[in-house]
């Protein structure tokens, strides 16, 4: 018991920050840049931490490493400890009435990449003392981050029925078929669904809400299953799918938010599929047991009043404030 207490007392916040940054980035150099450290300094923090716990925490590769089982366990607790540190600071700031605080959000790819940047920019003009930290996952990983207290709230592209989570719709989205302007489907006023079999598609990975929404629509509205759309490849982000389409690799179904700029510029074309209308909502989630502080409530009210089409103050008629 004494030895365990000795090493645990020697672990510093810098050790834990180094481990979580390496887990997030998978690279010593990127983790060092995130923490504003030199790469040798970050490497020493990881080595010192491994010496303290007495076991390897990662399997080293050329530029980074993959966490071992022990590394993953310690990383989970490290995230909780670092979040508790932020909560302690926020609580002190709240008691002083300083208007300062920090909000930790996990978000799936579409809201994290195409919606939240505008939201946060407008928010910061109104509340410069309250910072927003966003981590990007797919929807399944975002839910897990909220459940395991790695994020205070989440934004995902599909509804969850988990009993420990509060979920309510925030913004709307539409999944559209896109092709380059020189594709044979470009300019079609309405593509017959049977013609989708003519070409293999680029798709998001499993776990993505965009893909889950498409597959659910196929089953519920068309009687088809996912195998009716042939896949050329699966990739891990909407940006990667879009780049593949732009390069002429094949068509894809993507969120309208992901392709709006390219469609307006003429570098991608939306092809209507006969009789198809694939719509969904983005949901704001948080644990039922989460204790809201004033700046969390303020931010949630702000999100409810923010529409990507019109900016803050454009409340959706179907949206109500959380209790």
C-alpha atoms as a PDB file:
ATOM      1  CA  UNK A   1       0.000   0.000   0.000  1.00  0.00           C
ATOM      2  CA  UNK A   2       2.842   2.359   0.851  1.00  0.00           C
ATOM      3  CA  UNK A   3       4.484   1.947  -2.542  1.00  0.00           C
ATOM      4  CA  UNK A   4       1.204   2.608  -4.362  1.00  0.00           C
ATOM      5  CA  UNK A   5       0.644   5.775  -2.334  1.00  0.00           C
ATOM      6  CA  UNK A   6       4.211   6.884  -2.991  1.00  0.00           C
ATOM      7  CA  UNK A   7       3.986   6.634  -6.787  1.00  0.00           C
ATOM      8  CA  UNK A   8       0.491   8.110  -6.949  1.00  0.00           C
ATOM      9  CA  UNK A   9       1.631  11.162  -4.998  1.00  0.00           C
ATOM     10  CA  UNK A  10       4.446  11.650  -7.476  1.00  0.00           C
ATOM     11  CA  UNK A  11       2.166  11.747 -10.528  1.00  0.00           C
ATOM     12  CA  UNK A  12       1.651  15.318 -11.687  1.00  0.00           C
ATOM     13  CA  UNK A  13      -0.928  17.039 -13.865  1.00  0.00           C
ATOM     14  CA  UNK A  14       1.775  17.321 -16.519  1.00  0.00           C
ATOM     15  CA  UNK A  15       2.112  13.531 -16.586  1.00  0.00           C
ATOM     16  CA  UNK A  16      -1.643  13.122 -17.043  1.00  0.00           C
ATOM     17  CA  UNK A  17      -1.874  15.871 -19.663  1.00  0.00           C
ATOM     18  CA  UNK A  18       0.968  14.261 -21.622  1.00  0.00           C
ATOM     19  CA  UNK A  19      -0.766  10.870 -21.569  1.00  0.00           C
ATOM     20  CA  UNK A  20      -4.169  12.191 -22.667  1.00  0.00           C
ATOM     21  CA  UNK A  21      -2.651  14.384 -25.392  1.00  0.00           C
ATOM     22  CA  UNK A  22      -0.713  11.400 -26.759  1.00  0.00           C
ATOM     23  CA  UNK A  23      -3.872   9.262 -26.654  1.00  0.00           C
ATOM     24  CA  UNK A  24      -5.837  11.945 -28.524  1.00  0.00           C
ATOM     25  CA  UNK A  25      -3.274  12.664 -31.229  1.00  0.00           C
ATOM     26  CA  UNK A  26      -1.410   9.354 -31.575  1.00  0.00           C
ATOM     27  CA  UNK A  27       1.791  11.323 -32.162  1.00  0.00           C
ATOM     28  CA  UNK A  28       4.530  12.604 -29.850  1.00  0.00           C
ATOM     29  CA  UNK A  29       5.092  15.666 -32.041  1.00  0.00           C
ATOM     30  CA  UNK A  30       1.400  16.634 -32.258  1.00  0.00           C
ATOM     31  CA  UNK A  31       0.887  16.007 -28.547  1.00  0.00           C
ATOM     32  CA  UNK A  32       3.896  18.204 -27.758  1.00  0.00           C
ATOM     33  CA  UNK A  33       2.528  21.026 -29.927  1.00  0.00           C
ATOM     34  CA  UNK A  34      -0.859  20.794 -28.213  1.00  0.00           C
ATOM     35  CA  UNK A  35       0.779  21.178 -24.784  1.00  0.00           C
ATOM     36  CA  UNK A  36       3.318  23.792 -25.967  1.00  0.00           C
ATOM     37  CA  UNK A  37       6.204  21.514 -25.008  1.00  0.00           C
ATOM     38  CA  UNK A  38       9.258  20.273 -26.858  1.00  0.00           C
ATOM     39  CA  UNK A  39       8.979  16.706 -28.064  1.00  0.00           C
ATOM     40  CA  UNK A  40      11.815  15.513 -25.772  1.00  0.00           C
ATOM     41  CA  UNK A  41      10.003  17.052 -22.776  1.00  0.00           C
ATOM     42  CA  UNK A  42       6.788  15.253 -23.608  1.00  0.00           C
ATOM     43  CA  UNK A  43       8.670  11.981 -24.126  1.00  0.00           C
ATOM     44  CA  UNK A  44      10.274  12.362 -20.696  1.00  0.00           C
ATOM     45  CA  UNK A  45       6.860  12.915 -19.077  1.00  0.00           C
ATOM     46  CA  UNK A  46       5.610   9.640 -20.584  1.00  0.00           C
ATOM     47  CA  UNK A  47       8.766   7.764 -19.596  1.00  0.00           C
ATOM     48  CA  UNK A  48       8.600   9.130 -16.033  1.00  0.00           C
ATOM     49  CA  UNK A  49       4.951   8.143 -15.767  1.00  0.00           C
ATOM     50  CA  UNK A  50       5.733   4.601 -16.919  1.00  0.00           C
ATOM     51  CA  UNK A  51       8.500   4.384 -14.305  1.00  0.00           C
ATOM     52  CA  UNK A  52       6.109   5.573 -11.605  1.00  0.00           C
ATOM     53  CA  UNK A  53       3.386   3.023 -12.432  1.00  0.00           C
ATOM     54  CA  UNK A  54       5.879   0.271 -13.162  1.00  0.00           C
ATOM     55  CA  UNK A  55       4.450  -0.870 -16.473  1.00  0.00           C
ATOM     56  CA  UNK A  56       4.528   0.181 -20.157  1.00  0.00           C
ATOM     57  CA  UNK A  57       1.645   2.478 -21.030  1.00  0.00           C
ATOM     58  CA  UNK A  58       1.977   2.354 -24.795  1.00  0.00           C
ATOM     59  CA  UNK A  59       3.353   0.245 -27.620  1.00  0.00           C
ATOM     60  CA  UNK A  60       5.712   2.611 -29.357  1.00  0.00           C
ATOM     61  CA  UNK A  61       5.607   3.143 -33.106  1.00  0.00           C
ATOM     62  CA  UNK A  62       7.654   5.359 -35.410  1.00  0.00           C
ATOM     63  CA  UNK A  63       5.916   8.654 -34.574  1.00  0.00           C
ATOM     64  CA  UNK A  64       3.728   7.792 -31.614  1.00  0.00           C
ATOM     65  CA  UNK A  65       2.188   4.777 -29.990  1.00  0.00           C
ATOM     66  CA  UNK A  66      -0.909   2.786 -29.128  1.00  0.00           C
ATOM     67  CA  UNK A  67      -1.982   2.670 -25.493  1.00  0.00           C
ATOM     68  CA  UNK A  68      -1.682  -0.662 -23.717  1.00  0.00           C
ATOM     69  CA  UNK A  69      -4.551  -1.955 -21.591  1.00  0.00           C
ATOM     70  CA  UNK A  70      -2.944  -0.349 -18.534  1.00  0.00           C
ATOM     71  CA  UNK A  71      -2.423   2.856 -20.505  1.00  0.00           C
ATOM     72  CA  UNK A  72      -6.097   3.015 -21.476  1.00  0.00           C
ATOM     73  CA  UNK A  73      -7.203   2.456 -17.889  1.00  0.00           C
ATOM     74  CA  UNK A  74      -4.911   5.193 -16.588  1.00  0.00           C
ATOM     75  CA  UNK A  75      -5.901   7.520 -19.436  1.00  0.00           C
ATOM     76  CA  UNK A  76      -9.599   7.174 -18.531  1.00  0.00           C
ATOM     77  CA  UNK A  77      -8.869   8.195 -14.944  1.00  0.00           C
ATOM     78  CA  UNK A  78      -6.534  10.957 -16.141  1.00  0.00           C
ATOM     79  CA  UNK A  79      -9.357  12.524 -18.158  1.00  0.00           C
ATOM     80  CA  UNK A  80     -11.641  12.442 -15.127  1.00  0.00           C
ATOM     81  CA  UNK A  81      -8.965  13.986 -12.894  1.00  0.00           C
ATOM     82  CA  UNK A  82      -8.225  16.764 -15.382  1.00  0.00           C
ATOM     83  CA  UNK A  83     -11.933  17.459 -15.785  1.00  0.00           C
ATOM     84  CA  UNK A  84     -12.344  17.650 -12.001  1.00  0.00           C
ATOM     85  CA  UNK A  85      -9.519  20.182 -11.925  1.00  0.00           C
ATOM     86  CA  UNK A  86     -11.410  22.311 -14.449  1.00  0.00           C
ATOM     87  CA  UNK A  87     -14.630  21.929 -12.463  1.00  0.00           C
ATOM     88  CA  UNK A  88     -12.885  23.061  -9.288  1.00  0.00           C
ATOM     89  CA  UNK A  89     -11.599  26.145 -11.060  1.00  0.00           C
ATOM     90  CA  UNK A  90     -15.020  26.828 -12.566  1.00  0.00           C
ATOM     91  CA  UNK A  91     -16.666  26.529  -9.156  1.00  0.00           C
ATOM     92  CA  UNK A  92     -14.241  29.044  -7.687  1.00  0.00           C
ATOM     93  CA  UNK A  93     -14.802  31.369 -10.653  1.00  0.00           C
ATOM     94  CA  UNK A  94     -18.574  31.062 -10.224  1.00  0.00           C
ATOM     95  CA  UNK A  95     -18.355  31.938  -6.543  1.00  0.00           C
ATOM     96  CA  UNK A  96     -16.367  35.042  -7.410  1.00  0.00           C
ATOM     97  CA  UNK A  97     -18.859  36.075 -10.070  1.00  0.00           C
ATOM     98  CA  UNK A  98     -16.052  36.520 -12.604  1.00  0.00           C
ATOM     99  CA  UNK A  99     -18.057  35.396 -15.633  1.00  0.00           C
ATOM    100  CA  UNK A 100     -15.387  32.805 -16.390  1.00  0.00           C
ATOM    101  CA  UNK A 101     -15.708  29.098 -17.012  1.00  0.00           C
ATOM    102  CA  UNK A 102     -14.976  26.203 -19.330  1.00  0.00           C
ATOM    103  CA  UNK A 103     -17.360  23.921 -21.199  1.00  0.00           C
ATOM    104  CA  UNK A 104     -16.241  20.531 -22.512  1.00  0.00           C
ATOM    105  CA  UNK A 105     -18.123  19.236 -25.544  1.00  0.00           C
ATOM    106  CA  UNK A 106     -17.817  16.020 -27.511  1.00  0.00           C
ATOM    107  CA  UNK A 107     -19.325  16.260 -30.986  1.00  0.00           C
ATOM    108  CA  UNK A 108     -19.758  14.068 -34.018  1.00  0.00           C
ATOM    109  CA  UNK A 109     -18.033  15.082 -37.233  1.00  0.00           C
ATOM    110  CA  UNK A 110     -20.696  17.235 -38.901  1.00  0.00           C
ATOM    111  CA  UNK A 111     -21.534  19.562 -35.978  1.00  0.00           C
ATOM    112  CA  UNK A 112     -17.893  19.687 -34.858  1.00  0.00           C
ATOM    113  CA  UNK A 113     -16.576  20.584 -38.318  1.00  0.00           C
ATOM    114  CA  UNK A 114     -19.314  22.609 -39.985  1.00  0.00           C
ATOM    115  CA  UNK A 115     -21.618  24.054 -37.300  1.00  0.00           C
ATOM    116  CA  UNK A 116     -19.790  24.591 -34.012  1.00  0.00           C
ATOM    117  CA  UNK A 117     -17.031  26.879 -35.382  1.00  0.00           C
ATOM    118  CA  UNK A 118     -19.640  29.525 -36.240  1.00  0.00           C
ATOM    119  CA  UNK A 119     -21.535  28.941 -33.004  1.00  0.00           C
ATOM    120  CA  UNK A 120     -18.421  29.308 -30.870  1.00  0.00           C
ATOM    121  CA  UNK A 121     -17.206  32.410 -32.709  1.00  0.00           C
ATOM    122  CA  UNK A 122     -20.529  34.171 -32.105  1.00  0.00           C
ATOM    123  CA  UNK A 123     -20.648  32.915 -28.511  1.00  0.00           C
ATOM    124  CA  UNK A 124     -17.162  34.221 -27.722  1.00  0.00           C
ATOM    125  CA  UNK A 125     -18.153  37.736 -28.758  1.00  0.00           C
ATOM    126  CA  UNK A 126     -20.867  37.685 -26.079  1.00  0.00           C
ATOM    127  CA  UNK A 127     -19.048  35.688 -23.374  1.00  0.00           C
ATOM    128  CA  UNK A 128     -15.277  35.987 -23.839  1.00  0.00           C
ATOM    129  CA  UNK A 129     -14.544  34.607 -20.362  1.00  0.00           C
ATOM    130  CA  UNK A 130     -16.267  31.253 -20.972  1.00  0.00           C
ATOM    131  CA  UNK A 131     -14.191  28.988 -23.185  1.00  0.00           C
ATOM    132  CA  UNK A 132     -15.414  26.004 -25.191  1.00  0.00           C
ATOM    133  CA  UNK A 133     -13.348  22.844 -25.652  1.00  0.00           C
ATOM    134  CA  UNK A 134     -14.502  20.543 -28.472  1.00  0.00           C
ATOM    135  CA  UNK A 135     -13.342  16.978 -29.139  1.00  0.00           C
ATOM    136  CA  UNK A 136     -14.427  15.275 -32.357  1.00  0.00           C
ATOM    137  CA  UNK A 137     -15.653  11.662 -32.464  1.00  0.00           C
ATOM    138  CA  UNK A 138     -18.250   9.691 -34.346  1.00  0.00           C
ATOM    139  CA  UNK A 139     -21.715   9.647 -32.753  1.00  0.00           C
ATOM    140  CA  UNK A 140     -21.206   6.372 -30.869  1.00  0.00           C
ATOM    141  CA  UNK A 141     -17.907   7.568 -29.404  1.00  0.00           C
ATOM    142  CA  UNK A 142     -19.466  10.915 -28.472  1.00  0.00           C
ATOM    143  CA  UNK A 143     -22.158   9.142 -26.463  1.00  0.00           C
ATOM    144  CA  UNK A 144     -19.518   7.107 -24.661  1.00  0.00           C
ATOM    145  CA  UNK A 145     -17.491  10.243 -23.889  1.00  0.00           C
ATOM    146  CA  UNK A 146     -20.544  11.791 -22.214  1.00  0.00           C
ATOM    147  CA  UNK A 147     -21.385   8.606 -20.316  1.00  0.00           C
ATOM    148  CA  UNK A 148     -17.827   8.253 -19.007  1.00  0.00           C
ATOM    149  CA  UNK A 149     -17.536  11.911 -17.946  1.00  0.00           C
ATOM    150  CA  UNK A 150     -14.980  12.748 -20.614  1.00  0.00           C
ATOM    151  CA  UNK A 151     -17.317  15.500 -21.856  1.00  0.00           C
ATOM    152  CA  UNK A 152     -20.037  17.504 -20.157  1.00  0.00           C
ATOM    153  CA  UNK A 153     -22.365  17.502 -23.139  1.00  0.00           C
ATOM    154  CA  UNK A 154     -22.407  16.089 -26.631  1.00  0.00           C
ATOM    155  CA  UNK A 155     -23.758  16.772 -30.112  1.00  0.00           C
ATOM    156  CA  UNK A 156     -24.661  13.734 -32.201  1.00  0.00           C
ATOM    157  CA  UNK A 157     -26.497  12.987 -35.432  1.00  0.00           C
ATOM    158  CA  UNK A 158     -28.881  10.325 -34.163  1.00  0.00           C
ATOM    159  CA  UNK A 159     -31.260   9.964 -31.252  1.00  0.00           C
ATOM    160  CA  UNK A 160     -30.162   7.895 -28.286  1.00  0.00           C
ATOM    161  CA  UNK A 161     -32.465   5.989 -25.965  1.00  0.00           C
ATOM    162  CA  UNK A 162     -29.864   5.379 -23.266  1.00  0.00           C
ATOM    163  CA  UNK A 163     -31.585   5.644 -19.885  1.00  0.00           C
ATOM    164  CA  UNK A 164     -28.774   7.649 -18.327  1.00  0.00           C
ATOM    165  CA  UNK A 165     -28.807  10.373 -20.977  1.00  0.00           C
ATOM    166  CA  UNK A 166     -31.070  13.337 -21.734  1.00  0.00           C
ATOM    167  CA  UNK A 167     -31.427  13.919 -25.470  1.00  0.00           C
ATOM    168  CA  UNK A 168     -33.333  16.544 -27.418  1.00  0.00           C
ATOM    169  CA  UNK A 169     -33.257  17.795 -31.034  1.00  0.00           C
ATOM    170  CA  UNK A 170     -31.279  20.921 -31.768  1.00  0.00           C
ATOM    171  CA  UNK A 171     -30.717  21.450 -35.514  1.00  0.00           C
ATOM    172  CA  UNK A 172     -31.962  19.831 -38.705  1.00  0.00           C
ATOM    173  CA  UNK A 173     -29.941  18.179 -41.459  1.00  0.00           C
ATOM    174  CA  UNK A 174     -30.487  16.552 -44.843  1.00  0.00           C
ATOM    175  CA  UNK A 175     -28.440  13.731 -46.393  1.00  0.00           C
ATOM    176  CA  UNK A 176     -27.888  14.324 -50.129  1.00  0.00           C
ATOM    177  CA  UNK A 177     -26.269  12.471 -53.021  1.00  0.00           C
ATOM    178  CA  UNK A 178     -23.299  14.425 -54.423  1.00  0.00           C
ATOM    179  CA  UNK A 179     -21.122  13.979 -57.516  1.00  0.00           C
ATOM    180  CA  UNK A 180     -18.537  16.118 -59.354  1.00  0.00           C
ATOM    181  CA  UNK A 181     -19.927  18.307 -62.185  1.00  0.00           C
ATOM    182  CA  UNK A 182     -18.430  16.020 -64.845  1.00  0.00           C
ATOM    183  CA  UNK A 183     -20.096  12.872 -63.461  1.00  0.00           C
ATOM    184  CA  UNK A 184     -22.713  11.215 -65.682  1.00  0.00           C
ATOM    185  CA  UNK A 185     -25.378  11.790 -63.016  1.00  0.00           C
ATOM    186  CA  UNK A 186     -24.694  15.518 -62.740  1.00  0.00           C
ATOM    187  CA  UNK A 187     -27.613  17.516 -64.110  1.00  0.00           C
ATOM    188  CA  UNK A 188     -30.153  14.721 -63.568  1.00  0.00           C
ATOM    189  CA  UNK A 189     -33.400  16.312 -62.401  1.00  0.00           C
ATOM    190  CA  UNK A 190     -34.353  13.104 -60.602  1.00  0.00           C
ATOM    191  CA  UNK A 191     -32.215   9.976 -60.593  1.00  0.00           C
ATOM    192  CA  UNK A 192     -34.227   6.719 -60.504  1.00  0.00           C
ATOM    193  CA  UNK A 193     -33.154   4.735 -57.410  1.00  0.00           C
ATOM    194  CA  UNK A 194     -32.424   1.692 -59.596  1.00  0.00           C
ATOM    195  CA  UNK A 195     -29.557   3.603 -61.229  1.00  0.00           C
ATOM    196  CA  UNK A 196     -27.671   3.775 -57.935  1.00  0.00           C
ATOM    197  CA  UNK A 197     -26.450   0.274 -58.730  1.00  0.00           C
ATOM    198  CA  UNK A 198     -24.415   1.695 -61.645  1.00  0.00           C
ATOM    199  CA  UNK A 199     -21.596   2.984 -59.446  1.00  0.00           C
ATOM    200  CA  UNK A 200     -19.733   2.023 -56.251  1.00  0.00           C
ATOM    201  CA  UNK A 201     -19.932   4.635 -53.488  1.00  0.00           C
ATOM    202  CA  UNK A 202     -17.620   6.302 -51.000  1.00  0.00           C
ATOM    203  CA  UNK A 203     -19.053   5.943 -47.482  1.00  0.00           C
ATOM    204  CA  UNK A 204     -18.437   6.957 -43.896  1.00  0.00           C
ATOM    205  CA  UNK A 205     -17.292   4.294 -41.446  1.00  0.00           C
ATOM    206  CA  UNK A 206     -19.666   2.275 -39.272  1.00  0.00           C
ATOM    207  CA  UNK A 207     -20.484   4.244 -36.115  1.00  0.00           C
ATOM    208  CA  UNK A 208     -21.067   7.369 -38.172  1.00  0.00           C
ATOM    209  CA  UNK A 209     -24.559   8.818 -37.760  1.00  0.00           C
ATOM    210  CA  UNK A 210     -24.554   9.887 -41.433  1.00  0.00           C
ATOM    211  CA  UNK A 211     -24.176   6.273 -42.504  1.00  0.00           C
ATOM    212  CA  UNK A 212     -26.633   5.008 -39.875  1.00  0.00           C
ATOM    213  CA  UNK A 213     -29.236   7.549 -41.052  1.00  0.00           C
ATOM    214  CA  UNK A 214     -28.855   6.463 -44.680  1.00  0.00           C
ATOM    215  CA  UNK A 215     -29.108   2.761 -43.824  1.00  0.00           C
ATOM    216  CA  UNK A 216     -32.144   3.306 -41.591  1.00  0.00           C
ATOM    217  CA  UNK A 217     -33.838   5.286 -44.357  1.00  0.00           C
ATOM    218  CA  UNK A 218     -33.167   2.535 -46.886  1.00  0.00           C
ATOM    219  CA  UNK A 219     -34.748  -0.080 -44.634  1.00  0.00           C
ATOM    220  CA  UNK A 220     -37.737   1.970 -43.477  1.00  0.00           C
ATOM    221  CA  UNK A 221     -38.643   3.956 -46.597  1.00  0.00           C
ATOM    222  CA  UNK A 222     -37.431   1.973 -49.611  1.00  0.00           C
ATOM    223  CA  UNK A 223     -37.425  -1.651 -48.497  1.00  0.00           C
ATOM    224  CA  UNK A 224     -33.760  -1.910 -49.469  1.00  0.00           C
ATOM    225  CA  UNK A 225     -30.887  -2.850 -47.200  1.00  0.00           C
ATOM    226  CA  UNK A 226     -27.414  -1.373 -46.924  1.00  0.00           C
ATOM    227  CA  UNK A 227     -25.950  -3.966 -49.306  1.00  0.00           C
ATOM    228  CA  UNK A 228     -28.025  -2.504 -52.150  1.00  0.00           C
ATOM    229  CA  UNK A 229     -25.485   0.324 -52.356  1.00  0.00           C
ATOM    230  CA  UNK A 230     -22.100  -1.000 -53.409  1.00  0.00           C
ATOM    231  CA  UNK A 231     -19.143   0.478 -51.534  1.00  0.00           C
ATOM    232  CA  UNK A 232     -15.776   1.304 -53.030  1.00  0.00           C
ATOM    233  CA  UNK A 233     -14.297   2.247 -49.661  1.00  0.00           C
ATOM    234  CA  UNK A 234     -15.110   3.480 -46.161  1.00  0.00           C
ATOM    235  CA  UNK A 235     -13.333   6.478 -44.627  1.00  0.00           C
ATOM    236  CA  UNK A 236     -13.332   8.098 -41.217  1.00  0.00           C
ATOM    237  CA  UNK A 237     -14.585  11.613 -41.855  1.00  0.00           C
ATOM    238  CA  UNK A 238     -16.964  13.567 -44.059  1.00  0.00           C
ATOM    239  CA  UNK A 239     -14.043  15.685 -45.255  1.00  0.00           C
ATOM    240  CA  UNK A 240     -12.260  12.558 -46.494  1.00  0.00           C
ATOM    241  CA  UNK A 241     -15.429  11.370 -48.257  1.00  0.00           C
ATOM    242  CA  UNK A 242     -15.831  14.780 -49.874  1.00  0.00           C
ATOM    243  CA  UNK A 243     -12.222  14.881 -51.053  1.00  0.00           C
ATOM    244  CA  UNK A 244     -12.651  11.433 -52.621  1.00  0.00           C
ATOM    245  CA  UNK A 245     -15.760  12.607 -54.476  1.00  0.00           C
ATOM    246  CA  UNK A 246     -13.989  15.765 -55.652  1.00  0.00           C
ATOM    247  CA  UNK A 247     -11.139  13.576 -56.947  1.00  0.00           C
ATOM    248  CA  UNK A 248     -13.624  11.574 -59.016  1.00  0.00           C
ATOM    249  CA  UNK A 249     -13.441   8.364 -56.977  1.00  0.00           C
ATOM    250  CA  UNK A 250     -17.213   7.981 -56.875  1.00  0.00           C
ATOM    251  CA  UNK A 251     -20.491   9.442 -55.598  1.00  0.00           C
ATOM    252  CA  UNK A 252     -21.417   9.695 -51.922  1.00  0.00           C
ATOM    253  CA  UNK A 253     -24.255  10.519 -49.575  1.00  0.00           C
ATOM    254  CA  UNK A 254     -23.251  13.388 -47.280  1.00  0.00           C
ATOM    255  CA  UNK A 255     -24.768  15.963 -44.965  1.00  0.00           C
ATOM    256  CA  UNK A 256     -25.874  19.161 -46.692  1.00  0.00           C
ATOM    257  CA  UNK A 257     -23.782  21.012 -44.101  1.00  0.00           C
ATOM    258  CA  UNK A 258     -20.642  19.224 -45.316  1.00  0.00           C
ATOM    259  CA  UNK A 259     -21.084  20.104 -48.996  1.00  0.00           C
ATOM    260  CA  UNK A 260     -22.864  23.464 -48.942  1.00  0.00           C
ATOM    261  CA  UNK A 261     -19.748  25.490 -49.808  1.00  0.00           C
ATOM    262  CA  UNK A 262     -18.709  23.191 -52.680  1.00  0.00           C
ATOM    263  CA  UNK A 263     -22.231  23.106 -54.129  1.00  0.00           C
ATOM    264  CA  UNK A 264     -22.413  26.907 -54.053  1.00  0.00           C
ATOM    265  CA  UNK A 265     -18.995  27.090 -55.746  1.00  0.00           C
ATOM    266  CA  UNK A 266     -20.024  24.575 -58.429  1.00  0.00           C
ATOM    267  CA  UNK A 267     -17.364  22.000 -57.604  1.00  0.00           C
ATOM    268  CA  UNK A 268     -20.000  19.467 -56.456  1.00  0.00           C
ATOM    269  CA  UNK A 269     -23.549  18.804 -57.643  1.00  0.00           C
ATOM    270  CA  UNK A 270     -26.500  17.526 -55.637  1.00  0.00           C
ATOM    271  CA  UNK A 271     -28.383  14.787 -57.496  1.00  0.00           C
ATOM    272  CA  UNK A 272     -31.997  14.306 -56.326  1.00  0.00           C
ATOM    273  CA  UNK A 273     -32.952  10.634 -56.008  1.00  0.00           C
ATOM    274  CA  UNK A 274     -36.516   9.959 -57.074  1.00  0.00           C
ATOM    275  CA  UNK A 275     -38.866   9.938 -54.092  1.00  0.00           C
ATOM    276  CA  UNK A 276     -36.070  10.094 -51.490  1.00  0.00           C
ATOM    277  CA  UNK A 277     -35.948  12.705 -48.710  1.00  0.00           C
ATOM    278  CA  UNK A 278     -33.399  11.747 -46.049  1.00  0.00           C
ATOM    279  CA  UNK A 279     -33.686  14.089 -43.078  1.00  0.00           C
ATOM    280  CA  UNK A 280     -32.477  13.915 -39.496  1.00  0.00           C
ATOM    281  CA  UNK A 281     -31.787  16.083 -36.456  1.00  0.00           C
ATOM    282  CA  UNK A 282     -28.669  16.787 -34.464  1.00  0.00           C
ATOM    283  CA  UNK A 283     -29.227  16.090 -30.788  1.00  0.00           C
ATOM    284  CA  UNK A 284     -27.778  17.750 -27.720  1.00  0.00           C
ATOM    285  CA  UNK A 285     -27.099  15.165 -25.007  1.00  0.00           C
ATOM    286  CA  UNK A 286     -25.940  15.195 -21.403  1.00  0.00           C
ATOM    287  CA  UNK A 287     -26.048  12.795 -18.487  1.00  0.00           C
ATOM    288  CA  UNK A 288     -29.190  12.969 -16.357  1.00  0.00           C
ATOM    289  CA  UNK A 289     -26.964  13.258 -13.308  1.00  0.00           C
ATOM    290  CA  UNK A 290     -24.892  16.159 -14.684  1.00  0.00           C
ATOM    291  CA  UNK A 291     -24.922  19.149 -12.345  1.00  0.00           C
ATOM    292  CA  UNK A 292     -25.302  22.312 -14.384  1.00  0.00           C
ATOM    293  CA  UNK A 293     -23.425  25.430 -13.411  1.00  0.00           C
ATOM    294  CA  UNK A 294     -24.642  28.859 -14.557  1.00  0.00           C
ATOM    295  CA  UNK A 295     -22.351  29.004 -17.587  1.00  0.00           C
ATOM    296  CA  UNK A 296     -23.518  25.552 -18.765  1.00  0.00           C
ATOM    297  CA  UNK A 297     -27.153  26.630 -18.621  1.00  0.00           C
ATOM    298  CA  UNK A 298     -26.296  29.857 -20.394  1.00  0.00           C
ATOM    299  CA  UNK A 299     -24.557  27.993 -23.205  1.00  0.00           C
ATOM    300  CA  UNK A 300     -27.375  25.476 -23.599  1.00  0.00           C
ATOM    301  CA  UNK A 301     -29.918  28.286 -23.888  1.00  0.00           C
ATOM    302  CA  UNK A 302     -27.678  29.874 -26.499  1.00  0.00           C
ATOM    303  CA  UNK A 303     -27.470  26.644 -28.506  1.00  0.00           C
ATOM    304  CA  UNK A 304     -31.234  26.287 -28.463  1.00  0.00           C
ATOM    305  CA  UNK A 305     -31.583  29.778 -29.925  1.00  0.00           C
ATOM    306  CA  UNK A 306     -28.922  29.356 -32.599  1.00  0.00           C
ATOM    307  CA  UNK A 307     -29.765  28.115 -36.075  1.00  0.00           C
ATOM    308  CA  UNK A 308     -27.033  27.556 -38.613  1.00  0.00           C
ATOM    309  CA  UNK A 309     -29.162  29.117 -41.324  1.00  0.00           C
ATOM    310  CA  UNK A 310     -29.811  32.428 -39.597  1.00  0.00           C
ATOM    311  CA  UNK A 311     -27.440  32.692 -36.662  1.00  0.00           C
ATOM    312  CA  UNK A 312     -28.337  33.366 -33.038  1.00  0.00           C
ATOM    313  CA  UNK A 313     -31.910  34.130 -32.158  1.00  0.00           C
ATOM    314  CA  UNK A 314     -33.432  31.967 -34.924  1.00  0.00           C
ATOM    315  CA  UNK A 315     -35.194  29.428 -32.722  1.00  0.00           C
ATOM    316  CA  UNK A 316     -36.679  26.351 -34.314  1.00  0.00           C
ATOM    317  CA  UNK A 317     -40.383  26.102 -33.642  1.00  0.00           C
ATOM    318  CA  UNK A 318     -40.068  22.433 -32.726  1.00  0.00           C
ATOM    319  CA  UNK A 319     -37.388  23.056 -30.116  1.00  0.00           C
ATOM    320  CA  UNK A 320     -38.039  23.629 -26.456  1.00  0.00           C
ATOM    321  CA  UNK A 321     -35.619  24.540 -23.710  1.00  0.00           C
ATOM    322  CA  UNK A 322     -34.333  21.709 -21.537  1.00  0.00           C
ATOM    323  CA  UNK A 323     -35.630  21.400 -18.035  1.00  0.00           C
END
